[in-house]
Amino acid sequence: MAKEFGDRRIRANAVSPGAIRTELGGGLNDEFEAMLAAQTALGRVGEPEDVARIIVMLLAEEGAWINAQSIEVAGGYII
């Protein structure tokens, strides 16, 4: 898509979130959250705002040269 739409200045990127604290699937209980946080380099699960900041950056002028990328927003999960 990035190559096909690039001449129209349309960028195509993907955001791949890791463990994010949401209510999806019933949310996280304390034990499961602790297990996920222990496997993350930053020592916590992500917040929806962590993902939102990346999306905002991609849409802003700061992200104008980013194209054809999959950006993992996972805090260093299982590295």
PDB file of N, CA and C in Angstrom:
ATOM      1  N   MET A   1       0.818  -1.187   0.000  1.00  0.00           N
ATOM      2  CA  MET A   1       0.000   0.000   0.000  1.00  0.00           C
ATOM      3  C   MET A   1       0.864   1.254   0.000  1.00  0.00           C
ATOM      4  N   ALA A   2       1.941   1.229   0.772  1.00  0.00           N
ATOM      5  CA  ALA A   2       2.801   2.406   0.848  1.00  0.00           C
ATOM      6  C   ALA A   2       3.344   2.778  -0.528  1.00  0.00           C
ATOM      7  N   LYS A   3       3.745   1.788  -1.287  1.00  0.00           N
ATOM      8  CA  LYS A   3       4.299   2.050  -2.616  1.00  0.00           C
ATOM      9  C   LYS A   3       3.199   2.480  -3.589  1.00  0.00           C
ATOM     10  N   GLU A   4       2.071   1.828  -3.491  1.00  0.00           N
ATOM     11  CA  GLU A   4       0.973   2.128  -4.403  1.00  0.00           C
ATOM     12  C   GLU A   4       0.418   3.536  -4.196  1.00  0.00           C
ATOM     13  N   PHE A   5       0.322   3.975  -2.938  1.00  0.00           N
ATOM     14  CA  PHE A   5      -0.285   5.267  -2.642  1.00  0.00           C
ATOM     15  C   PHE A   5       0.724   6.383  -2.395  1.00  0.00           C
ATOM     16  N   GLY A   6       2.005   6.051  -2.406  1.00  0.00           N
ATOM     17  CA  GLY A   6       3.039   7.038  -2.110  1.00  0.00           C
ATOM     18  C   GLY A   6       3.026   8.237  -3.030  1.00  0.00           C
ATOM     19  N   ASP A   7       2.746   8.029  -4.311  1.00  0.00           N
ATOM     20  CA  ASP A   7       2.745   9.160  -5.246  1.00  0.00           C
ATOM     21  C   ASP A   7       1.617  10.142  -4.951  1.00  0.00           C
ATOM     22  N   ARG A   8       0.639   9.705  -4.155  1.00  0.00           N
ATOM     23  CA  ARG A   8      -0.445  10.603  -3.726  1.00  0.00           C
ATOM     24  C   ARG A   8      -0.201  11.143  -2.317  1.00  0.00           C
ATOM     25  N   ARG A   9       1.022  10.915  -1.816  1.00  0.00           N
ATOM     26  CA  ARG A   9       1.429  11.380  -0.485  1.00  0.00           C
ATOM     27  C   ARG A   9       0.597  10.757   0.632  1.00  0.00           C
ATOM     28  N   ILE A  10       0.150   9.526   0.382  1.00  0.00           N
ATOM     29  CA  ILE A  10      -0.565   8.768   1.405  1.00  0.00           C
ATOM     30  C   ILE A  10       0.410   7.754   1.967  1.00  0.00           C
ATOM     31  N   ARG A  11       0.599   7.801   3.275  1.00  0.00           N
ATOM     32  CA  ARG A  11       1.513   6.879   3.935  1.00  0.00           C
ATOM     33  C   ARG A  11       0.720   5.716   4.522  1.00  0.00           C
ATOM     34  N   ALA A  12       1.356   4.553   4.601  1.00  0.00           N
ATOM     35  CA  ALA A  12       0.708   3.347   5.146  1.00  0.00           C
ATOM     36  C   ALA A  12       1.617   2.745   6.211  1.00  0.00           C
ATOM     37  N   ASN A  13       1.183   2.831   7.438  1.00  0.00           N
ATOM     38  CA  ASN A  13       1.929   2.290   8.564  1.00  0.00           C
ATOM     39  C   ASN A  13       0.988   1.451   9.417  1.00  0.00           C
ATOM     40  N   ALA A  14       1.564   0.622  10.255  1.00  0.00           N
ATOM     41  CA  ALA A  14       0.779  -0.186  11.190  1.00  0.00           C
ATOM     42  C   ALA A  14       1.319   0.037  12.594  1.00  0.00           C
ATOM     43  N   VAL A  15       0.425   0.064  13.562  1.00  0.00           N
ATOM     44  CA  VAL A  15       0.799   0.145  14.971  1.00  0.00           C
ATOM     45  C   VAL A  15       0.423  -1.182  15.605  1.00  0.00           C
ATOM     46  N   SER A  16       1.418  -1.829  16.225  1.00  0.00           N
ATOM     47  CA  SER A  16       1.224  -3.155  16.825  1.00  0.00           C
ATOM     48  C   SER A  16       1.393  -3.056  18.338  1.00  0.00           C
ATOM     49  N   PRO A  17       0.281  -2.916  19.070  1.00  0.00           N
ATOM     50  CA  PRO A  17       0.392  -2.794  20.515  1.00  0.00           C
ATOM     51  C   PRO A  17       0.728  -4.111  21.185  1.00  0.00           C
ATOM     52  N   GLY A  18       1.428  -4.029  22.290  1.00  0.00           N
ATOM     53  CA  GLY A  18       1.679  -5.190  23.138  1.00  0.00           C
ATOM     54  C   GLY A  18       0.576  -5.284  24.179  1.00  0.00           C
ATOM     55  N   ALA A  19       0.938  -5.657  25.388  1.00  0.00           N
ATOM     56  CA  ALA A  19      -0.026  -5.771  26.478  1.00  0.00           C
ATOM     57  C   ALA A  19      -0.448  -4.367  26.915  1.00  0.00           C
ATOM     58  N   ILE A  20      -1.709  -4.042  26.675  1.00  0.00           N
ATOM     59  CA  ILE A  20      -2.250  -2.720  26.993  1.00  0.00           C
ATOM     60  C   ILE A  20      -3.418  -2.897  27.965  1.00  0.00           C
ATOM     61  N   ARG A  21      -3.453  -2.059  28.983  1.00  0.00           N
ATOM     62  CA  ARG A  21      -4.534  -2.127  29.973  1.00  0.00           C
ATOM     63  C   ARG A  21      -5.822  -1.595  29.350  1.00  0.00           C
ATOM     64  N   THR A  22      -6.697  -2.501  28.964  1.00  0.00           N
ATOM     65  CA  THR A  22      -8.020  -2.159  28.444  1.00  0.00           C
ATOM     66  C   THR A  22      -9.021  -3.137  29.036  1.00  0.00           C
ATOM     67  N   GLU A  23     -10.265  -2.973  28.681  1.00  0.00           N
ATOM     68  CA  GLU A  23     -11.310  -3.895  29.129  1.00  0.00           C
ATOM     69  C   GLU A  23     -11.533  -5.023  28.126  1.00  0.00           C
ATOM     70  N   LEU A  24     -10.754  -5.069  27.056  1.00  0.00           N
ATOM     71  CA  LEU A  24     -10.873  -6.130  26.065  1.00  0.00           C
ATOM     72  C   LEU A  24     -10.668  -7.488  26.721  1.00  0.00           C
ATOM     73  N   GLY A  25     -11.570  -8.393  26.501  1.00  0.00           N
ATOM     74  CA  GLY A  25     -11.463  -9.735  27.078  1.00  0.00           C
ATOM     75  C   GLY A  25     -11.722  -9.768  28.573  1.00  0.00           C
ATOM     76  N   GLY A  26     -12.349  -8.736  29.102  1.00  0.00           N
ATOM     77  CA  GLY A  26     -12.642  -8.701  30.525  1.00  0.00           C
ATOM     78  C   GLY A  26     -11.617  -7.963  31.354  1.00  0.00           C
ATOM     79  N   GLY A  27     -10.588  -7.394  30.736  1.00  0.00           N
ATOM     80  CA  GLY A  27      -9.579  -6.639  31.468  1.00  0.00           C
ATOM     81  C   GLY A  27      -8.506  -7.535  32.059  1.00  0.00           C
ATOM     82  N   LEU A  28      -7.627  -6.943  32.838  1.00  0.00           N
ATOM     83  CA  LEU A  28      -6.510  -7.665  33.448  1.00  0.00           C
ATOM     84  C   LEU A  28      -6.749  -7.800  34.947  1.00  0.00           C
ATOM     85  N   ASN A  29      -6.553  -9.014  35.463  1.00  0.00           N
ATOM     86  CA  ASN A  29      -6.545  -9.130  36.918  1.00  0.00           C
ATOM     87  C   ASN A  29      -5.115  -8.867  37.399  1.00  0.00           C
ATOM     88  N   ASP A  30      -4.944  -8.670  38.697  1.00  0.00           N
ATOM     89  CA  ASP A  30      -3.633  -8.288  39.235  1.00  0.00           C
ATOM     90  C   ASP A  30      -2.554  -9.316  38.926  1.00  0.00           C
ATOM     91  N   GLU A  31      -2.886 -10.595  39.022  1.00  0.00           N
ATOM     92  CA  GLU A  31      -1.899 -11.652  38.784  1.00  0.00           C
ATOM     93  C   GLU A  31      -1.436 -11.677  37.330  1.00  0.00           C
ATOM     94  N   PHE A  32      -2.377 -11.577  36.400  1.00  0.00           N
ATOM     95  CA  PHE A  32      -2.031 -11.598  34.978  1.00  0.00           C
ATOM     96  C   PHE A  32      -1.246 -10.345  34.603  1.00  0.00           C
ATOM     97  N   GLU A  33      -1.643  -9.208  35.143  1.00  0.00           N
ATOM     98  CA  GLU A  33      -0.916  -7.973  34.866  1.00  0.00           C
ATOM     99  C   GLU A  33       0.523  -8.059  35.365  1.00  0.00           C
ATOM    100  N   ALA A  34       0.725  -8.608  36.549  1.00  0.00           N
ATOM    101  CA  ALA A  34       2.072  -8.749  37.099  1.00  0.00           C
ATOM    102  C   ALA A  34       2.920  -9.667  36.225  1.00  0.00           C
ATOM    103  N   MET A  35       2.324 -10.731  35.706  1.00  0.00           N
ATOM    104  CA  MET A  35       3.054 -11.652  34.829  1.00  0.00           C
ATOM    105  C   MET A  35       3.469 -10.942  33.534  1.00  0.00           C
ATOM    106  N   LEU A  36       2.559 -10.186  32.953  1.00  0.00           N
ATOM    107  CA  LEU A  36       2.882  -9.447  31.724  1.00  0.00           C
ATOM    108  C   LEU A  36       3.948  -8.384  31.991  1.00  0.00           C
ATOM    109  N   ALA A  37       3.815  -7.650  33.077  1.00  0.00           N
ATOM    110  CA  ALA A  37       4.774  -6.597  33.416  1.00  0.00           C
ATOM    111  C   ALA A  37       6.165  -7.175  33.629  1.00  0.00           C
ATOM    112  N   ALA A  38       6.246  -8.363  34.208  1.00  0.00           N
ATOM    113  CA  ALA A  38       7.546  -9.004  34.454  1.00  0.00           C
ATOM    114  C   ALA A  38       8.252  -9.380  33.158  1.00  0.00           C
ATOM    115  N   GLN A  39       7.507  -9.529  32.079  1.00  0.00           N
ATOM    116  CA  GLN A  39       8.081  -9.906  30.785  1.00  0.00           C
ATOM    117  C   GLN A  39       8.345  -8.690  29.903  1.00  0.00           C
ATOM    118  N   THR A  40       8.156  -7.505  30.446  1.00  0.00           N
ATOM    119  CA  THR A  40       8.306  -6.271  29.682  1.00  0.00           C
ATOM    120  C   THR A  40       9.518  -5.495  30.205  1.00  0.00           C
ATOM    121  N   ALA A  41      10.372  -5.053  29.306  1.00  0.00           N
ATOM    122  CA  ALA A  41      11.593  -4.349  29.700  1.00  0.00           C
ATOM    123  C   ALA A  41      11.308  -3.113  30.552  1.00  0.00           C
ATOM    124  N   LEU A  42      10.186  -2.455  30.323  1.00  0.00           N
ATOM    125  CA  LEU A  42       9.855  -1.271  31.103  1.00  0.00           C
ATOM    126  C   LEU A  42       9.126  -1.607  32.398  1.00  0.00           C
ATOM    127  N   GLY A  43       8.846  -2.883  32.627  1.00  0.00           N
ATOM    128  CA  GLY A  43       8.297  -3.333  33.898  1.00  0.00           C
ATOM    129  C   GLY A  43       6.849  -2.979  34.171  1.00  0.00           C
ATOM    130  N   ARG A  44       6.079  -2.763  33.118  1.00  0.00           N
ATOM    131  CA  ARG A  44       4.655  -2.459  33.294  1.00  0.00           C
ATOM    132  C   ARG A  44       3.903  -2.811  32.030  1.00  0.00           C
ATOM    133  N   VAL A  45       2.596  -2.893  32.127  1.00  0.00           N
ATOM    134  CA  VAL A  45       1.792  -3.017  30.917  1.00  0.00           C
ATOM    135  C   VAL A  45       1.538  -1.613  30.398  1.00  0.00           C
ATOM    136  N   GLY A  46       1.177  -1.526  29.151  1.00  0.00           N
ATOM    137  CA  GLY A  46       0.949  -0.228  28.544  1.00  0.00           C
ATOM    138  C   GLY A  46      -0.423   0.326  28.877  1.00  0.00           C
ATOM    139  N   GLU A  47      -0.541   1.608  28.690  1.00  0.00           N
ATOM    140  CA  GLU A  47      -1.810   2.314  28.831  1.00  0.00           C
ATOM    141  C   GLU A  47      -2.292   2.695  27.431  1.00  0.00           C
ATOM    142  N   PRO A  48      -3.592   2.845  27.244  1.00  0.00           N
ATOM    143  CA  PRO A  48      -4.092   3.256  25.924  1.00  0.00           C
ATOM    144  C   PRO A  48      -3.407   4.518  25.405  1.00  0.00           C
ATOM    145  N   GLU A  49      -3.043   5.420  26.317  1.00  0.00           N
ATOM    146  CA  GLU A  49      -2.376   6.667  25.915  1.00  0.00           C
ATOM    147  C   GLU A  49      -1.002   6.401  25.299  1.00  0.00           C
ATOM    148  N   ASP A  50      -0.336   5.316  25.716  1.00  0.00           N
ATOM    149  CA  ASP A  50       0.961   4.974  25.125  1.00  0.00           C
ATOM    150  C   ASP A  50       0.815   4.703  23.630  1.00  0.00           C
ATOM    151  N   VAL A  51      -0.246   4.025  23.253  1.00  0.00           N
ATOM    152  CA  VAL A  51      -0.503   3.728  21.843  1.00  0.00           C
ATOM    153  C   VAL A  51      -0.988   4.983  21.130  1.00  0.00           C
ATOM    154  N   ALA A  52      -1.856   5.727  21.778  1.00  0.00           N
ATOM    155  CA  ALA A  52      -2.405   6.946  21.166  1.00  0.00           C
ATOM    156  C   ALA A  52      -1.311   7.934  20.809  1.00  0.00           C
ATOM    157  N   ARG A  53      -0.292   8.079  21.667  1.00  0.00           N
ATOM    158  CA  ARG A  53       0.802   9.029  21.381  1.00  0.00           C
ATOM    159  C   ARG A  53       1.533   8.666  20.092  1.00  0.00           C
ATOM    160  N   ILE A  54       1.715   7.379  19.833  1.00  0.00           N
ATOM    161  CA  ILE A  54       2.389   6.958  18.601  1.00  0.00           C
ATOM    162  C   ILE A  54       1.523   7.271  17.384  1.00  0.00           C
ATOM    163  N   ILE A  55       0.231   7.021  17.500  1.00  0.00           N
ATOM    164  CA  ILE A  55      -0.677   7.317  16.383  1.00  0.00           C
ATOM    165  C   ILE A  55      -0.698   8.811  16.097  1.00  0.00           C
ATOM    166  N   VAL A  56      -0.768   9.624  17.144  1.00  0.00           N
ATOM    167  CA  VAL A  56      -0.745  11.085  16.970  1.00  0.00           C
ATOM    168  C   VAL A  56       0.549  11.512  16.284  1.00  0.00           C
ATOM    169  N   MET A  57       1.683  10.942  16.722  1.00  0.00           N
ATOM    170  CA  MET A  57       2.969  11.289  16.115  1.00  0.00           C
ATOM    171  C   MET A  57       2.985  10.918  14.630  1.00  0.00           C
ATOM    172  N   LEU A  58       2.454   9.751  14.295  1.00  0.00           N
ATOM    173  CA  LEU A  58       2.434   9.340  12.892  1.00  0.00           C
ATOM    174  C   LEU A  58       1.590  10.286  12.038  1.00  0.00           C
ATOM    175  N   LEU A  59       0.530  10.811  12.620  1.00  0.00           N
ATOM    176  CA  LEU A  59      -0.351  11.710  11.873  1.00  0.00           C
ATOM    177  C   LEU A  59       0.170  13.138  11.828  1.00  0.00           C
ATOM    178  N   ALA A  60       1.076  13.475  12.728  1.00  0.00           N
ATOM    179  CA  ALA A  60       1.617  14.836  12.791  1.00  0.00           C
ATOM    180  C   ALA A  60       2.780  14.996  11.813  1.00  0.00           C
ATOM    181  N   GLU A  61       3.244  16.219  11.692  1.00  0.00           N
ATOM    182  CA  GLU A  61       4.372  16.528  10.811  1.00  0.00           C
ATOM    183  C   GLU A  61       5.620  15.729  11.185  1.00  0.00           C
ATOM    184  N   GLU A  62       5.797  15.432  12.483  1.00  0.00           N
ATOM    185  CA  GLU A  62       6.968  14.669  12.935  1.00  0.00           C
ATOM    186  C   GLU A  62       7.032  13.279  12.297  1.00  0.00           C
ATOM    187  N   GLY A  63       5.902  12.749  11.888  1.00  0.00           N
ATOM    188  CA  GLY A  63       5.877  11.427  11.275  1.00  0.00           C
ATOM    189  C   GLY A  63       5.807  11.436   9.764  1.00  0.00           C
ATOM    190  N   ALA A  64       6.025  12.590   9.162  1.00  0.00           N
ATOM    191  CA  ALA A  64       5.839  12.735   7.715  1.00  0.00           C
ATOM    192  C   ALA A  64       6.762  11.857   6.877  1.00  0.00           C
ATOM    193  N   TRP A  65       7.906  11.442   7.409  1.00  0.00           N
ATOM    194  CA  TRP A  65       8.859  10.653   6.641  1.00  0.00           C
ATOM    195  C   TRP A  65       8.786   9.181   7.013  1.00  0.00           C
ATOM    196  N   ILE A  66       7.825   8.811   7.831  1.00  0.00           N
ATOM    197  CA  ILE A  66       7.647   7.407   8.229  1.00  0.00           C
ATOM    198  C   ILE A  66       6.605   6.794   7.311  1.00  0.00           C
ATOM    199  N   ASN A  67       7.006   5.739   6.616  1.00  0.00           N
ATOM    200  CA  ASN A  67       6.106   5.081   5.668  1.00  0.00           C
ATOM    201  C   ASN A  67       6.493   3.610   5.556  1.00  0.00           C
ATOM    202  N   ALA A  68       5.498   2.774   5.387  1.00  0.00           N
ATOM    203  CA  ALA A  68       5.685   1.333   5.179  1.00  0.00           C
ATOM    204  C   ALA A  68       6.309   0.656   6.403  1.00  0.00           C
ATOM    205  N   GLN A  69       5.921   1.098   7.595  1.00  0.00           N
ATOM    206  CA  GLN A  69       6.512   0.559   8.813  1.00  0.00           C
ATOM    207  C   GLN A  69       5.446  -0.073   9.705  1.00  0.00           C
ATOM    208  N   SER A  70       5.851  -1.084  10.433  1.00  0.00           N
ATOM    209  CA  SER A  70       5.051  -1.640  11.517  1.00  0.00           C
ATOM    210  C   SER A  70       5.757  -1.240  12.806  1.00  0.00           C
ATOM    211  N   ILE A  71       5.092  -0.438  13.596  1.00  0.00           N
ATOM    212  CA  ILE A  71       5.696   0.097  14.811  1.00  0.00           C
ATOM    213  C   ILE A  71       5.129  -0.652  16.006  1.00  0.00           C
ATOM    214  N   GLU A  72       6.012  -1.352  16.694  1.00  0.00           N
ATOM    215  CA  GLU A  72       5.605  -2.100  17.878  1.00  0.00           C
ATOM    216  C   GLU A  72       5.604  -1.169  19.070  1.00  0.00           C
ATOM    217  N   VAL A  73       4.484  -1.133  19.768  1.00  0.00           N
ATOM    218  CA  VAL A  73       4.331  -0.295  20.961  1.00  0.00           C
ATOM    219  C   VAL A  73       4.077  -1.270  22.108  1.00  0.00           C
ATOM    220  N   ALA A  74       5.169  -1.823  22.641  1.00  0.00           N
ATOM    221  CA  ALA A  74       5.037  -2.922  23.601  1.00  0.00           C
ATOM    222  C   ALA A  74       5.954  -2.788  24.804  1.00  0.00           C
ATOM    223  N   GLY A  75       6.669  -1.697  24.928  1.00  0.00           N
ATOM    224  CA  GLY A  75       7.526  -1.494  26.089  1.00  0.00           C
ATOM    225  C   GLY A  75       8.653  -2.478  26.217  1.00  0.00           C
ATOM    226  N   GLY A  76       9.011  -3.148  25.140  1.00  0.00           N
ATOM    227  CA  GLY A  76      10.079  -4.143  25.189  1.00  0.00           C
ATOM    228  C   GLY A  76       9.583  -5.478  25.700  1.00  0.00           C
ATOM    229  N   TYR A  77       8.436  -5.914  25.203  1.00  0.00           N
ATOM    230  CA  TYR A  77       7.840  -7.178  25.641  1.00  0.00           C
ATOM    231  C   TYR A  77       8.647  -8.364  25.106  1.00  0.00           C
ATOM    232  N   ILE A  78       9.051  -9.229  25.969  1.00  0.00           N
ATOM    233  CA  ILE A  78       9.795 -10.462  25.663  1.00  0.00           C
ATOM    234  C   ILE A  78      10.983 -10.196  24.740  1.00  0.00           C
ATOM    235  N   ILE A  79      11.939  -9.422  25.237  1.00  0.00           N
ATOM    236  CA  ILE A  79      13.162  -9.216  24.453  1.00  0.00           C
ATOM    237  C   ILE A  79      14.323  -9.893  25.161  1.00  0.00           C
TER     238      ILE A  79
END
